[in-house]
């Protein structure tokens, strides 16, 4: 694995395995670093690796600072990968919760042929408020899933 600190140029270069980190995760980490460093991604020179060069916005020749920058980038890359995996793992549950909520919202209480919504008469105001909060969070998670994690 390539990991180089060039104090003269003031940058850090590292290579990550394509089998471990998706292009989307690398792009997400690069986007998160937009205010900290310029991130240059070379995914064409090596078939199994992506080479990433980090040039801090605040110029430095300090080796420790450049190592810390590279380590922080790798942590962000892990965060991006984990976040995307969590969204994927929870997609089915999120879709189920949203579908149930939409179906409940669709009913017409004035229609005598429709049965009452399950639990409407059995929930306290506090439980209803908590359910509303959970539904709002599920909708936000679903929206993130639809847009892609970045």
C-alpha atoms as a PDB file:
ATOM      1  CA  UNK A   1       0.000   0.000   0.000  1.00  0.00           C
ATOM      2  CA  UNK A   2       1.279   3.397  -0.992  1.00  0.00           C
ATOM      3  CA  UNK A   3       1.623   5.968   1.774  1.00  0.00           C
ATOM      4  CA  UNK A   4       3.983   8.875   1.184  1.00  0.00           C
ATOM      5  CA  UNK A   5       4.482  12.172   2.937  1.00  0.00           C
ATOM      6  CA  UNK A   6       6.231  14.772   0.808  1.00  0.00           C
ATOM      7  CA  UNK A   7       7.248  17.596   3.135  1.00  0.00           C
ATOM      8  CA  UNK A   8       8.892  19.501   0.307  1.00  0.00           C
ATOM      9  CA  UNK A   9       5.691  19.565  -1.768  1.00  0.00           C
ATOM     10  CA  UNK A  10       3.537  19.738   1.370  1.00  0.00           C
ATOM     11  CA  UNK A  11       1.235  16.855   0.494  1.00  0.00           C
ATOM     12  CA  UNK A  12       0.334  13.301   1.474  1.00  0.00           C
ATOM     13  CA  UNK A  13      -0.318  10.506  -1.008  1.00  0.00           C
ATOM     14  CA  UNK A  14      -1.998   7.232  -0.193  1.00  0.00           C
ATOM     15  CA  UNK A  15      -3.559   4.340  -2.072  1.00  0.00           C
ATOM     16  CA  UNK A  16      -6.720   2.535  -1.021  1.00  0.00           C
ATOM     17  CA  UNK A  17      -7.985  -0.821  -2.229  1.00  0.00           C
ATOM     18  CA  UNK A  18     -10.936  -0.596  -4.623  1.00  0.00           C
ATOM     19  CA  UNK A  19     -12.307  -3.837  -3.174  1.00  0.00           C
ATOM     20  CA  UNK A  20     -12.705  -2.112   0.216  1.00  0.00           C
ATOM     21  CA  UNK A  21     -13.721   1.439  -0.710  1.00  0.00           C
ATOM     22  CA  UNK A  22     -16.219   2.356  -3.393  1.00  0.00           C
ATOM     23  CA  UNK A  23     -15.811   5.308  -5.696  1.00  0.00           C
ATOM     24  CA  UNK A  24     -18.841   6.909  -3.982  1.00  0.00           C
ATOM     25  CA  UNK A  25     -17.219   6.590  -0.541  1.00  0.00           C
ATOM     26  CA  UNK A  26     -14.002   8.164  -1.834  1.00  0.00           C
ATOM     27  CA  UNK A  27     -15.961  11.005  -3.442  1.00  0.00           C
ATOM     28  CA  UNK A  28     -17.935  11.513  -0.213  1.00  0.00           C
ATOM     29  CA  UNK A  29     -14.758  11.721   1.850  1.00  0.00           C
ATOM     30  CA  UNK A  30     -13.206  14.107  -0.688  1.00  0.00           C
ATOM     31  CA  UNK A  31     -16.312  16.297  -0.507  1.00  0.00           C
ATOM     32  CA  UNK A  32     -16.161  16.306   3.299  1.00  0.00           C
ATOM     33  CA  UNK A  33     -12.540  17.490   3.028  1.00  0.00           C
ATOM     34  CA  UNK A  34     -13.323  20.337   0.628  1.00  0.00           C
ATOM     35  CA  UNK A  35     -12.648  22.991   3.260  1.00  0.00           C
ATOM     36  CA  UNK A  36      -9.542  21.309   4.667  1.00  0.00           C
ATOM     37  CA  UNK A  37      -7.561  20.101   1.672  1.00  0.00           C
ATOM     38  CA  UNK A  38      -7.550  19.769  -2.069  1.00  0.00           C
ATOM     39  CA  UNK A  39      -8.109  16.091  -2.837  1.00  0.00           C
ATOM     40  CA  UNK A  40      -6.809  14.618  -6.072  1.00  0.00           C
ATOM     41  CA  UNK A  41      -8.103  11.167  -7.001  1.00  0.00           C
ATOM     42  CA  UNK A  42      -6.396   8.930  -9.562  1.00  0.00           C
ATOM     43  CA  UNK A  43      -8.471   5.808 -10.128  1.00  0.00           C
ATOM     44  CA  UNK A  44      -6.986   4.922 -13.506  1.00  0.00           C
ATOM     45  CA  UNK A  45      -3.263   4.305 -12.955  1.00  0.00           C
ATOM     46  CA  UNK A  46      -3.654   1.135 -10.847  1.00  0.00           C
ATOM     47  CA  UNK A  47      -6.388  -1.431 -11.574  1.00  0.00           C
ATOM     48  CA  UNK A  48      -6.946  -2.508  -7.949  1.00  0.00           C
ATOM     49  CA  UNK A  49      -6.182   0.761  -6.159  1.00  0.00           C
ATOM     50  CA  UNK A  50      -7.186   4.382  -6.100  1.00  0.00           C
ATOM     51  CA  UNK A  51      -4.357   6.824  -5.431  1.00  0.00           C
ATOM     52  CA  UNK A  52      -5.356   9.890  -3.419  1.00  0.00           C
ATOM     53  CA  UNK A  53      -3.213  12.976  -2.931  1.00  0.00           C
ATOM     54  CA  UNK A  54      -4.084  15.483  -0.208  1.00  0.00           C
ATOM     55  CA  UNK A  55      -2.806  19.049  -0.331  1.00  0.00           C
ATOM     56  CA  UNK A  56      -3.843  20.993   2.774  1.00  0.00           C
ATOM     57  CA  UNK A  57      -5.458  24.387   2.180  1.00  0.00           C
ATOM     58  CA  UNK A  58      -3.242  25.792   4.936  1.00  0.00           C
ATOM     59  CA  UNK A  59       0.226  25.184   3.534  1.00  0.00           C
ATOM     60  CA  UNK A  60       2.462  23.106   5.782  1.00  0.00           C
ATOM     61  CA  UNK A  61       5.779  21.302   5.521  1.00  0.00           C
ATOM     62  CA  UNK A  62       5.288  19.560   8.883  1.00  0.00           C
ATOM     63  CA  UNK A  63       5.448  15.778   8.478  1.00  0.00           C
ATOM     64  CA  UNK A  64       3.283  15.089  11.539  1.00  0.00           C
ATOM     65  CA  UNK A  65       0.575  17.475  10.331  1.00  0.00           C
ATOM     66  CA  UNK A  66       0.529  15.776   6.925  1.00  0.00           C
ATOM     67  CA  UNK A  67       0.339  12.316   8.541  1.00  0.00           C
ATOM     68  CA  UNK A  68      -2.556  13.516  10.680  1.00  0.00           C
ATOM     69  CA  UNK A  69      -4.310  14.878   7.590  1.00  0.00           C
ATOM     70  CA  UNK A  70      -3.973  11.504   5.835  1.00  0.00           C
ATOM     71  CA  UNK A  71      -5.188   9.643   8.926  1.00  0.00           C
ATOM     72  CA  UNK A  72      -8.184  11.942   9.259  1.00  0.00           C
ATOM     73  CA  UNK A  73      -9.018  11.389   5.596  1.00  0.00           C
ATOM     74  CA  UNK A  74      -8.879   7.614   6.078  1.00  0.00           C
ATOM     75  CA  UNK A  75     -11.217   7.954   9.081  1.00  0.00           C
ATOM     76  CA  UNK A  76     -13.654   9.957   6.960  1.00  0.00           C
ATOM     77  CA  UNK A  77     -13.417   7.310   4.262  1.00  0.00           C
ATOM     78  CA  UNK A  78     -14.395   4.685   6.838  1.00  0.00           C
ATOM     79  CA  UNK A  79     -17.281   6.897   8.013  1.00  0.00           C
ATOM     80  CA  UNK A  80     -18.549   7.233   4.451  1.00  0.00           C
ATOM     81  CA  UNK A  81     -18.343   3.480   3.884  1.00  0.00           C
ATOM     82  CA  UNK A  82     -20.088   2.641   7.160  1.00  0.00           C
ATOM     83  CA  UNK A  83     -22.796   5.255   6.632  1.00  0.00           C
ATOM     84  CA  UNK A  84     -23.605   3.917   3.187  1.00  0.00           C
ATOM     85  CA  UNK A  85     -23.728   0.363   4.542  1.00  0.00           C
ATOM     86  CA  UNK A  86     -26.045   1.367   7.409  1.00  0.00           C
ATOM     87  CA  UNK A  87     -28.413   3.077   4.994  1.00  0.00           C
ATOM     88  CA  UNK A  88     -28.451  -0.019   2.803  1.00  0.00           C
ATOM     89  CA  UNK A  89     -28.971  -2.347   5.782  1.00  0.00           C
ATOM     90  CA  UNK A  90     -31.892  -0.288   7.083  1.00  0.00           C
ATOM     91  CA  UNK A  91     -33.519   0.456   3.725  1.00  0.00           C
ATOM     92  CA  UNK A  92     -36.159  -2.261   4.001  1.00  0.00           C
ATOM     93  CA  UNK A  93     -37.200  -1.234   7.509  1.00  0.00           C
ATOM     94  CA  UNK A  94     -37.279   2.439   6.551  1.00  0.00           C
ATOM     95  CA  UNK A  95     -39.447   1.696   3.523  1.00  0.00           C
ATOM     96  CA  UNK A  96     -41.812  -0.405   5.647  1.00  0.00           C
ATOM     97  CA  UNK A  97     -42.254   2.344   8.247  1.00  0.00           C
ATOM     98  CA  UNK A  98     -42.865   4.984   5.591  1.00  0.00           C
ATOM     99  CA  UNK A  99     -45.327   2.785   3.706  1.00  0.00           C
ATOM    100  CA  UNK A 100     -47.311   2.111   6.876  1.00  0.00           C
ATOM    101  CA  UNK A 101     -47.328   5.807   7.718  1.00  0.00           C
ATOM    102  CA  UNK A 102     -48.501   6.765   4.242  1.00  0.00           C
ATOM    103  CA  UNK A 103     -51.228   4.145   4.323  1.00  0.00           C
ATOM    104  CA  UNK A 104     -52.427   5.425   7.702  1.00  0.00           C
ATOM    105  CA  UNK A 105     -52.391   9.017   6.457  1.00  0.00           C
ATOM    106  CA  UNK A 106     -54.364   8.011   3.375  1.00  0.00           C
ATOM    107  CA  UNK A 107     -57.415   6.752   5.237  1.00  0.00           C
ATOM    108  CA  UNK A 108     -60.526   8.882   5.400  1.00  0.00           C
ATOM    109  CA  UNK A 109     -61.925   8.876   8.957  1.00  0.00           C
ATOM    110  CA  UNK A 110     -65.270  10.107   7.618  1.00  0.00           C
ATOM    111  CA  UNK A 111     -65.682   6.941   5.516  1.00  0.00           C
ATOM    112  CA  UNK A 112     -67.677   4.468   7.631  1.00  0.00           C
ATOM    113  CA  UNK A 113     -66.430   1.542   5.515  1.00  0.00           C
ATOM    114  CA  UNK A 114     -62.801   2.080   6.523  1.00  0.00           C
ATOM    115  CA  UNK A 115     -61.713   0.461   9.757  1.00  0.00           C
ATOM    116  CA  UNK A 116     -60.095   2.725  12.341  1.00  0.00           C
ATOM    117  CA  UNK A 117     -56.335   2.985  12.116  1.00  0.00           C
ATOM    118  CA  UNK A 118     -54.612   0.438  14.291  1.00  0.00           C
ATOM    119  CA  UNK A 119     -53.849   1.780  17.741  1.00  0.00           C
ATOM    120  CA  UNK A 120     -55.394   5.240  17.252  1.00  0.00           C
ATOM    121  CA  UNK A 121     -57.611   4.854  20.273  1.00  0.00           C
ATOM    122  CA  UNK A 122     -55.002   3.006  22.347  1.00  0.00           C
ATOM    123  CA  UNK A 123     -52.089   5.463  22.178  1.00  0.00           C
ATOM    124  CA  UNK A 124     -51.489   8.230  24.679  1.00  0.00           C
ATOM    125  CA  UNK A 125     -50.645  11.729  23.461  1.00  0.00           C
ATOM    126  CA  UNK A 126     -47.039  11.127  24.519  1.00  0.00           C
ATOM    127  CA  UNK A 127     -46.880   7.908  22.467  1.00  0.00           C
ATOM    128  CA  UNK A 128     -48.397   9.654  19.460  1.00  0.00           C
ATOM    129  CA  UNK A 129     -45.794  12.433  19.728  1.00  0.00           C
ATOM    130  CA  UNK A 130     -42.978   9.872  19.937  1.00  0.00           C
ATOM    131  CA  UNK A 131     -44.384   7.983  16.939  1.00  0.00           C
ATOM    132  CA  UNK A 132     -44.501  11.248  14.983  1.00  0.00           C
ATOM    133  CA  UNK A 133     -40.818  11.916  15.822  1.00  0.00           C
ATOM    134  CA  UNK A 134     -39.815   8.407  14.715  1.00  0.00           C
ATOM    135  CA  UNK A 135     -41.774   8.780  11.496  1.00  0.00           C
ATOM    136  CA  UNK A 136     -40.080  12.105  10.751  1.00  0.00           C
ATOM    137  CA  UNK A 137     -36.643  10.546  11.307  1.00  0.00           C
ATOM    138  CA  UNK A 138     -37.535   7.563   9.105  1.00  0.00           C
ATOM    139  CA  UNK A 139     -38.663   9.896   6.328  1.00  0.00           C
ATOM    140  CA  UNK A 140     -35.385  11.833   6.564  1.00  0.00           C
ATOM    141  CA  UNK A 141     -33.374   8.584   6.439  1.00  0.00           C
ATOM    142  CA  UNK A 142     -35.372   7.427   3.440  1.00  0.00           C
ATOM    143  CA  UNK A 143     -34.739  10.739   1.679  1.00  0.00           C
ATOM    144  CA  UNK A 144     -30.984  10.352   2.281  1.00  0.00           C
ATOM    145  CA  UNK A 145     -31.183   6.851   0.896  1.00  0.00           C
ATOM    146  CA  UNK A 146     -32.925   8.056  -2.227  1.00  0.00           C
ATOM    147  CA  UNK A 147     -30.399  10.864  -2.825  1.00  0.00           C
ATOM    148  CA  UNK A 148     -27.405   8.715  -2.000  1.00  0.00           C
ATOM    149  CA  UNK A 149     -25.049   9.193   0.944  1.00  0.00           C
ATOM    150  CA  UNK A 150     -22.565  11.828   0.479  1.00  0.00           C
END
